[in-house]
Amino acid sequence: MPILSMFYGVVVYMYFYDSQEHHAPHFHAEYAEFTAVIAIESGDVLEGDLPRNKMKLVQAWLEIHRDEIMADWSLAVRGLPVQKIKPLE
């Protein structure tokens, strides 16, 4: 489970070879006991939830880094190492 980024207590990661369950490019975000699976293209929550303020931060990070996240998705589904992505500042 490669970690892509960490900011404000949120950890964003992807699993290797993770293209079957949700059938869409996505990433996982965790904050405390909360976890969510978020579609890269639309930003929709596919599963789970995060506190509202943390979800807004994740959505902002996604908007800024969407191309980089998609590039990491392409690597991760092939089992290749992903690149770290700058945290939200």
PDB file of N, CA and C in Angstrom:
ATOM      1  N   MET A   1       0.846  -1.171   0.000  1.00  0.00           N
ATOM      2  CA  MET A   1       0.000   0.000   0.000  1.00  0.00           C
ATOM      3  C   MET A   1       0.894   1.238   0.000  1.00  0.00           C
ATOM      4  N   PRO A   2       1.283   1.698  -1.154  1.00  0.00           N
ATOM      5  CA  PRO A   2       2.143   2.879  -1.237  1.00  0.00           C
ATOM      6  C   PRO A   2       1.415   4.156  -0.813  1.00  0.00           C
ATOM      7  N   ILE A   3       2.068   4.931   0.022  1.00  0.00           N
ATOM      8  CA  ILE A   3       1.526   6.222   0.450  1.00  0.00           C
ATOM      9  C   ILE A   3       1.897   7.269  -0.595  1.00  0.00           C
ATOM     10  N   LEU A   4       0.887   7.971  -1.088  1.00  0.00           N
ATOM     11  CA  LEU A   4       1.110   9.025  -2.082  1.00  0.00           C
ATOM     12  C   LEU A   4       1.425  10.352  -1.419  1.00  0.00           C
ATOM     13  N   SER A   5       0.694  10.659  -0.331  1.00  0.00           N
ATOM     14  CA  SER A   5       0.840  11.957   0.306  1.00  0.00           C
ATOM     15  C   SER A   5       0.239  11.916   1.707  1.00  0.00           C
ATOM     16  N   MET A   6       0.676  12.853   2.542  1.00  0.00           N
ATOM     17  CA  MET A   6       0.116  13.014   3.890  1.00  0.00           C
ATOM     18  C   MET A   6       0.000  14.504   4.179  1.00  0.00           C
ATOM     19  N   PHE A   7      -1.158  14.921   4.685  1.00  0.00           N
ATOM     20  CA  PHE A   7      -1.354  16.322   5.030  1.00  0.00           C
ATOM     21  C   PHE A   7      -2.498  16.457   6.035  1.00  0.00           C
ATOM     22  N   TYR A   8      -2.305  17.309   7.012  1.00  0.00           N
ATOM     23  CA  TYR A   8      -3.322  17.610   8.014  1.00  0.00           C
ATOM     24  C   TYR A   8      -3.961  16.362   8.628  1.00  0.00           C
ATOM     25  N   GLY A   9      -3.148  15.348   8.862  1.00  0.00           N
ATOM     26  CA  GLY A   9      -3.635  14.118   9.475  1.00  0.00           C
ATOM     27  C   GLY A   9      -4.255  13.127   8.502  1.00  0.00           C
ATOM     28  N   VAL A  10      -4.352  13.490   7.227  1.00  0.00           N
ATOM     29  CA  VAL A  10      -4.918  12.612   6.199  1.00  0.00           C
ATOM     30  C   VAL A  10      -3.774  11.865   5.515  1.00  0.00           C
ATOM     31  N   VAL A  11      -3.943  10.561   5.358  1.00  0.00           N
ATOM     32  CA  VAL A  11      -2.984   9.743   4.620  1.00  0.00           C
ATOM     33  C   VAL A  11      -3.669   9.280   3.342  1.00  0.00           C
ATOM     34  N   VAL A  12      -3.021   9.543   2.200  1.00  0.00           N
ATOM     35  CA  VAL A  12      -3.573   9.163   0.891  1.00  0.00           C
ATOM     36  C   VAL A  12      -2.684   8.068   0.316  1.00  0.00           C
ATOM     37  N   TYR A  13      -3.309   6.984  -0.121  1.00  0.00           N
ATOM     38  CA  TYR A  13      -2.530   5.864  -0.637  1.00  0.00           C
ATOM     39  C   TYR A  13      -3.276   5.131  -1.742  1.00  0.00           C
ATOM     40  N   MET A  14      -2.544   4.237  -2.421  1.00  0.00           N
ATOM     41  CA  MET A  14      -3.107   3.354  -3.444  1.00  0.00           C
ATOM     42  C   MET A  14      -2.606   1.953  -3.165  1.00  0.00           C
ATOM     43  N   TYR A  15      -3.389   0.992  -3.578  1.00  0.00           N
ATOM     44  CA  TYR A  15      -2.946  -0.395  -3.528  1.00  0.00           C
ATOM     45  C   TYR A  15      -2.402  -0.784  -4.893  1.00  0.00           C
ATOM     46  N   PHE A  16      -1.426  -1.670  -4.913  1.00  0.00           N
ATOM     47  CA  PHE A  16      -0.963  -2.246  -6.167  1.00  0.00           C
ATOM     48  C   PHE A  16      -2.042  -3.177  -6.712  1.00  0.00           C
ATOM     49  N   TYR A  17      -2.166  -3.237  -8.013  1.00  0.00           N
ATOM     50  CA  TYR A  17      -3.093  -4.148  -8.704  1.00  0.00           C
ATOM     51  C   TYR A  17      -4.550  -3.977  -8.251  1.00  0.00           C
ATOM     52  N   ASP A  18      -4.984  -2.748  -7.949  1.00  0.00           N
ATOM     53  CA  ASP A  18      -6.303  -2.494  -7.354  1.00  0.00           C
ATOM     54  C   ASP A  18      -7.296  -1.968  -8.386  1.00  0.00           C
ATOM     55  N   SER A  19      -7.483  -2.677  -9.489  1.00  0.00           N
ATOM     56  CA  SER A  19      -8.389  -2.176 -10.518  1.00  0.00           C
ATOM     57  C   SER A  19      -9.681  -2.981 -10.623  1.00  0.00           C
ATOM     58  N   GLN A  20      -9.854  -4.004  -9.834  1.00  0.00           N
ATOM     59  CA  GLN A  20     -11.013  -4.887  -9.981  1.00  0.00           C
ATOM     60  C   GLN A  20     -12.205  -4.486  -9.115  1.00  0.00           C
ATOM     61  N   GLU A  21     -11.968  -4.113  -7.867  1.00  0.00           N
ATOM     62  CA  GLU A  21     -13.086  -3.907  -6.940  1.00  0.00           C
ATOM     63  C   GLU A  21     -13.988  -2.738  -7.321  1.00  0.00           C
ATOM     64  N   HIS A  22     -13.409  -1.582  -7.637  1.00  0.00           N
ATOM     65  CA  HIS A  22     -14.230  -0.399  -7.902  1.00  0.00           C
ATOM     66  C   HIS A  22     -14.341  -0.075  -9.388  1.00  0.00           C
ATOM     67  N   HIS A  23     -13.553  -0.730 -10.221  1.00  0.00           N
ATOM     68  CA  HIS A  23     -13.610  -0.583 -11.683  1.00  0.00           C
ATOM     69  C   HIS A  23     -13.458   0.854 -12.155  1.00  0.00           C
ATOM     70  N   ALA A  24     -12.795   1.679 -11.395  1.00  0.00           N
ATOM     71  CA  ALA A  24     -12.523   3.059 -11.792  1.00  0.00           C
ATOM     72  C   ALA A  24     -11.222   3.484 -11.121  1.00  0.00           C
ATOM     73  N   PRO A  25     -10.443   4.327 -11.770  1.00  0.00           N
ATOM     74  CA  PRO A  25      -9.241   4.835 -11.106  1.00  0.00           C
ATOM     75  C   PRO A  25      -9.622   5.533  -9.798  1.00  0.00           C
ATOM     76  N   HIS A  26      -8.955   5.157  -8.724  1.00  0.00           N
ATOM     77  CA  HIS A  26      -9.315   5.699  -7.408  1.00  0.00           C
ATOM     78  C   HIS A  26      -8.128   5.660  -6.467  1.00  0.00           C
ATOM     79  N   PHE A  27      -8.276   6.345  -5.349  1.00  0.00           N
ATOM     80  CA  PHE A  27      -7.288   6.284  -4.282  1.00  0.00           C
ATOM     81  C   PHE A  27      -8.021   6.156  -2.960  1.00  0.00           C
ATOM     82  N   HIS A  28      -7.272   5.852  -1.923  1.00  0.00           N
ATOM     83  CA  HIS A  28      -7.817   5.667  -0.594  1.00  0.00           C
ATOM     84  C   HIS A  28      -7.314   6.801   0.291  1.00  0.00           C
ATOM     85  N   ALA A  29      -8.158   7.288   1.176  1.00  0.00           N
ATOM     86  CA  ALA A  29      -7.768   8.327   2.124  1.00  0.00           C
ATOM     87  C   ALA A  29      -8.215   7.898   3.516  1.00  0.00           C
ATOM     88  N   GLU A  30      -7.333   8.102   4.489  1.00  0.00           N
ATOM     89  CA  GLU A  30      -7.646   7.770   5.884  1.00  0.00           C
ATOM     90  C   GLU A  30      -7.411   8.980   6.759  1.00  0.00           C
ATOM     91  N   TYR A  31      -8.280   9.133   7.726  1.00  0.00           N
ATOM     92  CA  TYR A  31      -8.108  10.134   8.765  1.00  0.00           C
ATOM     93  C   TYR A  31      -8.685   9.540  10.041  1.00  0.00           C
ATOM     94  N   ALA A  32      -7.846   9.379  11.060  1.00  0.00           N
ATOM     95  CA  ALA A  32      -8.258   8.746  12.316  1.00  0.00           C
ATOM     96  C   ALA A  32      -8.945   7.422  12.011  1.00  0.00           C
ATOM     97  N   GLU A  33     -10.173   7.216  12.476  1.00  0.00           N
ATOM     98  CA  GLU A  33     -10.873   5.951  12.234  1.00  0.00           C
ATOM     99  C   GLU A  33     -11.683   5.957  10.937  1.00  0.00           C
ATOM    100  N   PHE A  34     -11.599   7.031  10.175  1.00  0.00           N
ATOM    101  CA  PHE A  34     -12.363   7.163   8.931  1.00  0.00           C
ATOM    102  C   PHE A  34     -11.528   6.747   7.728  1.00  0.00           C
ATOM    103  N   THR A  35     -12.188   6.181   6.751  1.00  0.00           N
ATOM    104  CA  THR A  35     -11.521   5.822   5.500  1.00  0.00           C
ATOM    105  C   THR A  35     -12.502   5.987   4.349  1.00  0.00           C
ATOM    106  N   ALA A  36     -11.981   6.417   3.206  1.00  0.00           N
ATOM    107  CA  ALA A  36     -12.822   6.610   2.030  1.00  0.00           C
ATOM    108  C   ALA A  36     -12.057   6.200   0.785  1.00  0.00           C
ATOM    109  N   VAL A  37     -12.790   5.733  -0.196  1.00  0.00           N
ATOM    110  CA  VAL A  37     -12.248   5.428  -1.519  1.00  0.00           C
ATOM    111  C   VAL A  37     -12.825   6.492  -2.450  1.00  0.00           C
ATOM    112  N   ILE A  38     -11.946   7.197  -3.169  1.00  0.00           N
ATOM    113  CA  ILE A  38     -12.359   8.360  -3.951  1.00  0.00           C
ATOM    114  C   ILE A  38     -11.955   8.181  -5.412  1.00  0.00           C
ATOM    115  N   ALA A  39     -12.912   8.392  -6.310  1.00  0.00           N
ATOM    116  CA  ALA A  39     -12.653   8.311  -7.751  1.00  0.00           C
ATOM    117  C   ALA A  39     -11.780   9.483  -8.170  1.00  0.00           C
ATOM    118  N   ILE A  40     -10.746   9.198  -8.953  1.00  0.00           N
ATOM    119  CA  ILE A  40      -9.824  10.246  -9.366  1.00  0.00           C
ATOM    120  C   ILE A  40     -10.485  11.203 -10.357  1.00  0.00           C
ATOM    121  N   GLU A  41     -11.185  10.689 -11.327  1.00  0.00           N
ATOM    122  CA  GLU A  41     -11.748  11.544 -12.372  1.00  0.00           C
ATOM    123  C   GLU A  41     -12.851  12.464 -11.873  1.00  0.00           C
ATOM    124  N   SER A  42     -13.765  11.943 -11.067  1.00  0.00           N
ATOM    125  CA  SER A  42     -14.919  12.732 -10.636  1.00  0.00           C
ATOM    126  C   SER A  42     -14.792  13.301  -9.235  1.00  0.00           C
ATOM    127  N   GLY A  43     -13.951  12.698  -8.407  1.00  0.00           N
ATOM    128  CA  GLY A  43     -13.856  13.105  -7.016  1.00  0.00           C
ATOM    129  C   GLY A  43     -14.958  12.525  -6.151  1.00  0.00           C
ATOM    130  N   ASP A  44     -15.807  11.674  -6.731  1.00  0.00           N
ATOM    131  CA  ASP A  44     -16.899  11.056  -5.979  1.00  0.00           C
ATOM    132  C   ASP A  44     -16.361  10.048  -4.975  1.00  0.00           C
ATOM    133  N   VAL A  45     -17.048   9.937  -3.848  1.00  0.00           N
ATOM    134  CA  VAL A  45     -16.708   8.922  -2.854  1.00  0.00           C
ATOM    135  C   VAL A  45     -17.353   7.608  -3.291  1.00  0.00           C
ATOM    136  N   LEU A  46     -16.530   6.612  -3.521  1.00  0.00           N
ATOM    137  CA  LEU A  46     -17.013   5.310  -3.963  1.00  0.00           C
ATOM    138  C   LEU A  46     -17.391   4.417  -2.789  1.00  0.00           C
ATOM    139  N   GLU A  47     -16.755   4.664  -1.650  1.00  0.00           N
ATOM    140  CA  GLU A  47     -16.995   3.841  -0.469  1.00  0.00           C
ATOM    141  C   GLU A  47     -16.470   4.581   0.753  1.00  0.00           C
ATOM    142  N   GLY A  48     -17.140   4.431   1.878  1.00  0.00           N
ATOM    143  CA  GLY A  48     -16.677   5.021   3.131  1.00  0.00           C
ATOM    144  C   GLY A  48     -16.980   6.500   3.236  1.00  0.00           C
ATOM    145  N   ASP A  49     -16.294   7.146   4.190  1.00  0.00           N
ATOM    146  CA  ASP A  49     -16.464   8.581   4.377  1.00  0.00           C
ATOM    147  C   ASP A  49     -15.316   9.144   5.191  1.00  0.00           C
ATOM    148  N   LEU A  50     -15.220  10.467   5.147  1.00  0.00           N
ATOM    149  CA  LEU A  50     -14.270  11.236   5.943  1.00  0.00           C
ATOM    150  C   LEU A  50     -15.041  12.381   6.573  1.00  0.00           C
ATOM    151  N   PRO A  51     -14.529  12.951   7.673  1.00  0.00           N
ATOM    152  CA  PRO A  51     -15.178  14.152   8.193  1.00  0.00           C
ATOM    153  C   PRO A  51     -15.223  15.233   7.109  1.00  0.00           C
ATOM    154  N   ARG A  52     -16.268  16.022   7.128  1.00  0.00           N
ATOM    155  CA  ARG A  52     -16.514  17.022   6.084  1.00  0.00           C
ATOM    156  C   ARG A  52     -15.302  17.918   5.827  1.00  0.00           C
ATOM    157  N   ASN A  53     -14.666  18.435   6.877  1.00  0.00           N
ATOM    158  CA  ASN A  53     -13.528  19.342   6.682  1.00  0.00           C
ATOM    159  C   ASN A  53     -12.335  18.620   6.058  1.00  0.00           C
ATOM    160  N   LYS A  54     -12.113  17.359   6.399  1.00  0.00           N
ATOM    161  CA  LYS A  54     -11.012  16.591   5.810  1.00  0.00           C
ATOM    162  C   LYS A  54     -11.329  16.224   4.357  1.00  0.00           C
ATOM    163  N   MET A  55     -12.588  15.938   4.060  1.00  0.00           N
ATOM    164  CA  MET A  55     -12.968  15.637   2.682  1.00  0.00           C
ATOM    165  C   MET A  55     -12.728  16.855   1.791  1.00  0.00           C
ATOM    166  N   LYS A  56     -13.009  18.046   2.285  1.00  0.00           N
ATOM    167  CA  LYS A  56     -12.757  19.260   1.507  1.00  0.00           C
ATOM    168  C   LYS A  56     -11.267  19.410   1.198  1.00  0.00           C
ATOM    169  N   LEU A  57     -10.412  19.072   2.169  1.00  0.00           N
ATOM    170  CA  LEU A  57      -8.973  19.132   1.945  1.00  0.00           C
ATOM    171  C   LEU A  57      -8.541  18.111   0.888  1.00  0.00           C
ATOM    172  N   VAL A  58      -9.080  16.899   0.981  1.00  0.00           N
ATOM    173  CA  VAL A  58      -8.752  15.863   0.006  1.00  0.00           C
ATOM    174  C   VAL A  58      -9.218  16.276  -1.387  1.00  0.00           C
ATOM    175  N   GLN A  59     -10.409  16.848  -1.489  1.00  0.00           N
ATOM    176  CA  GLN A  59     -10.928  17.301  -2.786  1.00  0.00           C
ATOM    177  C   GLN A  59     -10.036  18.401  -3.378  1.00  0.00           C
ATOM    178  N   ALA A  60      -9.572  19.317  -2.542  1.00  0.00           N
ATOM    179  CA  ALA A  60      -8.683  20.388  -3.011  1.00  0.00           C
ATOM    180  C   ALA A  60      -7.363  19.795  -3.501  1.00  0.00           C
ATOM    181  N   TRP A  61      -6.810  18.843  -2.754  1.00  0.00           N
ATOM    182  CA  TRP A  61      -5.570  18.176  -3.150  1.00  0.00           C
ATOM    183  C   TRP A  61      -5.756  17.452  -4.479  1.00  0.00           C
ATOM    184  N   LEU A  62      -6.888  16.782  -4.638  1.00  0.00           N
ATOM    185  CA  LEU A  62      -7.193  16.077  -5.876  1.00  0.00           C
ATOM    186  C   LEU A  62      -7.245  17.043  -7.061  1.00  0.00           C
ATOM    187  N   GLU A  63      -7.898  18.176  -6.902  1.00  0.00           N
ATOM    188  CA  GLU A  63      -7.996  19.153  -7.987  1.00  0.00           C
ATOM    189  C   GLU A  63      -6.622  19.645  -8.429  1.00  0.00           C
ATOM    190  N   ILE A  64      -5.733  19.862  -7.478  1.00  0.00           N
ATOM    191  CA  ILE A  64      -4.397  20.374  -7.771  1.00  0.00           C
ATOM    192  C   ILE A  64      -3.523  19.310  -8.444  1.00  0.00           C
ATOM    193  N   HIS A  65      -3.666  18.061  -8.021  1.00  0.00           N
ATOM    194  CA  HIS A  65      -2.728  17.014  -8.427  1.00  0.00           C
ATOM    195  C   HIS A  65      -3.359  15.888  -9.257  1.00  0.00           C
ATOM    196  N   ARG A  66      -4.498  16.125  -9.862  1.00  0.00           N
ATOM    197  CA  ARG A  66      -5.218  15.056 -10.584  1.00  0.00           C
ATOM    198  C   ARG A  66      -4.330  14.332 -11.605  1.00  0.00           C
ATOM    199  N   ASP A  67      -3.555  15.056 -12.412  1.00  0.00           N
ATOM    200  CA  ASP A  67      -2.720  14.414 -13.427  1.00  0.00           C
ATOM    201  C   ASP A  67      -1.659  13.515 -12.783  1.00  0.00           C
ATOM    202  N   GLU A  68      -1.057  13.978 -11.702  1.00  0.00           N
ATOM    203  CA  GLU A  68      -0.055  13.175 -11.007  1.00  0.00           C
ATOM    204  C   GLU A  68      -0.678  11.924 -10.377  1.00  0.00           C
ATOM    205  N   ILE A  69      -1.873  12.080  -9.839  1.00  0.00           N
ATOM    206  CA  ILE A  69      -2.569  10.951  -9.219  1.00  0.00           C
ATOM    207  C   ILE A  69      -2.914   9.911 -10.286  1.00  0.00           C
ATOM    208  N   MET A  70      -3.379  10.364 -11.449  1.00  0.00           N
ATOM    209  CA  MET A  70      -3.675   9.435 -12.541  1.00  0.00           C
ATOM    210  C   MET A  70      -2.410   8.719 -13.012  1.00  0.00           C
ATOM    211  N   ALA A  71      -1.301   9.426 -13.066  1.00  0.00           N
ATOM    212  CA  ALA A  71      -0.034   8.797 -13.456  1.00  0.00           C
ATOM    213  C   ALA A  71       0.341   7.719 -12.441  1.00  0.00           C
ATOM    214  N   ASP A  72       0.158   8.001 -11.158  1.00  0.00           N
ATOM    215  CA  ASP A  72       0.436   6.998 -10.125  1.00  0.00           C
ATOM    216  C   ASP A  72      -0.521   5.818 -10.245  1.00  0.00           C
ATOM    217  N   TRP A  73      -1.781   6.080 -10.575  1.00  0.00           N
ATOM    218  CA  TRP A  73      -2.743   4.982 -10.767  1.00  0.00           C
ATOM    219  C   TRP A  73      -2.247   4.031 -11.859  1.00  0.00           C
ATOM    220  N   SER A  74      -1.798   4.616 -12.955  1.00  0.00           N
ATOM    221  CA  SER A  74      -1.299   3.817 -14.068  1.00  0.00           C
ATOM    222  C   SER A  74      -0.128   2.928 -13.634  1.00  0.00           C
ATOM    223  N   LEU A  75       0.724   3.454 -12.804  1.00  0.00           N
ATOM    224  CA  LEU A  75       1.847   2.666 -12.287  1.00  0.00           C
ATOM    225  C   LEU A  75       1.365   1.590 -11.315  1.00  0.00           C
ATOM    226  N   ALA A  76       0.520   1.972 -10.371  1.00  0.00           N
ATOM    227  CA  ALA A  76       0.105   1.057  -9.302  1.00  0.00           C
ATOM    228  C   ALA A  76      -0.655  -0.151  -9.836  1.00  0.00           C
ATOM    229  N   VAL A  77      -1.523   0.033 -10.823  1.00  0.00           N
ATOM    230  CA  VAL A  77      -2.288  -1.111 -11.332  1.00  0.00           C
ATOM    231  C   VAL A  77      -1.398  -2.101 -12.071  1.00  0.00           C
ATOM    232  N   ARG A  78      -0.205  -1.651 -12.443  1.00  0.00           N
ATOM    233  CA  ARG A  78       0.759  -2.566 -13.071  1.00  0.00           C
ATOM    234  C   ARG A  78       1.774  -3.095 -12.067  1.00  0.00           C
ATOM    235  N   GLY A  79       1.611  -2.710 -10.788  1.00  0.00           N
ATOM    236  CA  GLY A  79       2.507  -3.192  -9.743  1.00  0.00           C
ATOM    237  C   GLY A  79       3.836  -2.467  -9.691  1.00  0.00           C
ATOM    238  N   LEU A  80       3.905  -1.290 -10.311  1.00  0.00           N
ATOM    239  CA  LEU A  80       5.145  -0.514 -10.338  1.00  0.00           C
ATOM    240  C   LEU A  80       5.158   0.524  -9.222  1.00  0.00           C
ATOM    241  N   PRO A  81       6.344   0.931  -8.782  1.00  0.00           N
ATOM    242  CA  PRO A  81       6.427   1.943  -7.716  1.00  0.00           C
ATOM    243  C   PRO A  81       5.783   3.265  -8.128  1.00  0.00           C
ATOM    244  N   VAL A  82       5.082   3.884  -7.192  1.00  0.00           N
ATOM    245  CA  VAL A  82       4.440   5.181  -7.444  1.00  0.00           C
ATOM    246  C   VAL A  82       5.344   6.307  -6.974  1.00  0.00           C
ATOM    247  N   GLN A  83       5.030   7.500  -7.430  1.00  0.00           N
ATOM    248  CA  GLN A  83       5.766   8.696  -7.039  1.00  0.00           C
ATOM    249  C   GLN A  83       5.030   9.399  -5.900  1.00  0.00           C
ATOM    250  N   LYS A  84       5.754   9.944  -4.957  1.00  0.00           N
ATOM    251  CA  LYS A  84       5.145  10.756  -3.905  1.00  0.00           C
ATOM    252  C   LYS A  84       4.599  12.034  -4.543  1.00  0.00           C
ATOM    253  N   ILE A  85       3.515  12.542  -3.963  1.00  0.00           N
ATOM    254  CA  ILE A  85       2.877  13.754  -4.462  1.00  0.00           C
ATOM    255  C   ILE A  85       2.889  14.779  -3.336  1.00  0.00           C
ATOM    256  N   LYS A  86       3.195  16.033  -3.693  1.00  0.00           N
ATOM    257  CA  LYS A  86       3.266  17.095  -2.685  1.00  0.00           C
ATOM    258  C   LYS A  86       1.992  17.143  -1.848  1.00  0.00           C
ATOM    259  N   PRO A  87       2.149  17.356  -0.563  1.00  0.00           N
ATOM    260  CA  PRO A  87       0.958  17.500   0.284  1.00  0.00           C
ATOM    261  C   PRO A  87       0.277  18.845   0.045  1.00  0.00           C
ATOM    262  N   LEU A  88      -0.932  18.933   0.521  1.00  0.00           N
ATOM    263  CA  LEU A  88      -1.668  20.192   0.484  1.00  0.00           C
ATOM    264  C   LEU A  88      -1.018  21.130   1.496  1.00  0.00           C
ATOM    265  N   GLU A  89      -0.772  22.351   1.095  1.00  0.00           N
ATOM    266  CA  GLU A  89      -0.124  23.309   2.004  1.00  0.00           C
ATOM    267  C   GLU A  89      -1.044  24.437   2.350  1.00  0.00           C
TER     268      GLU A  89
END
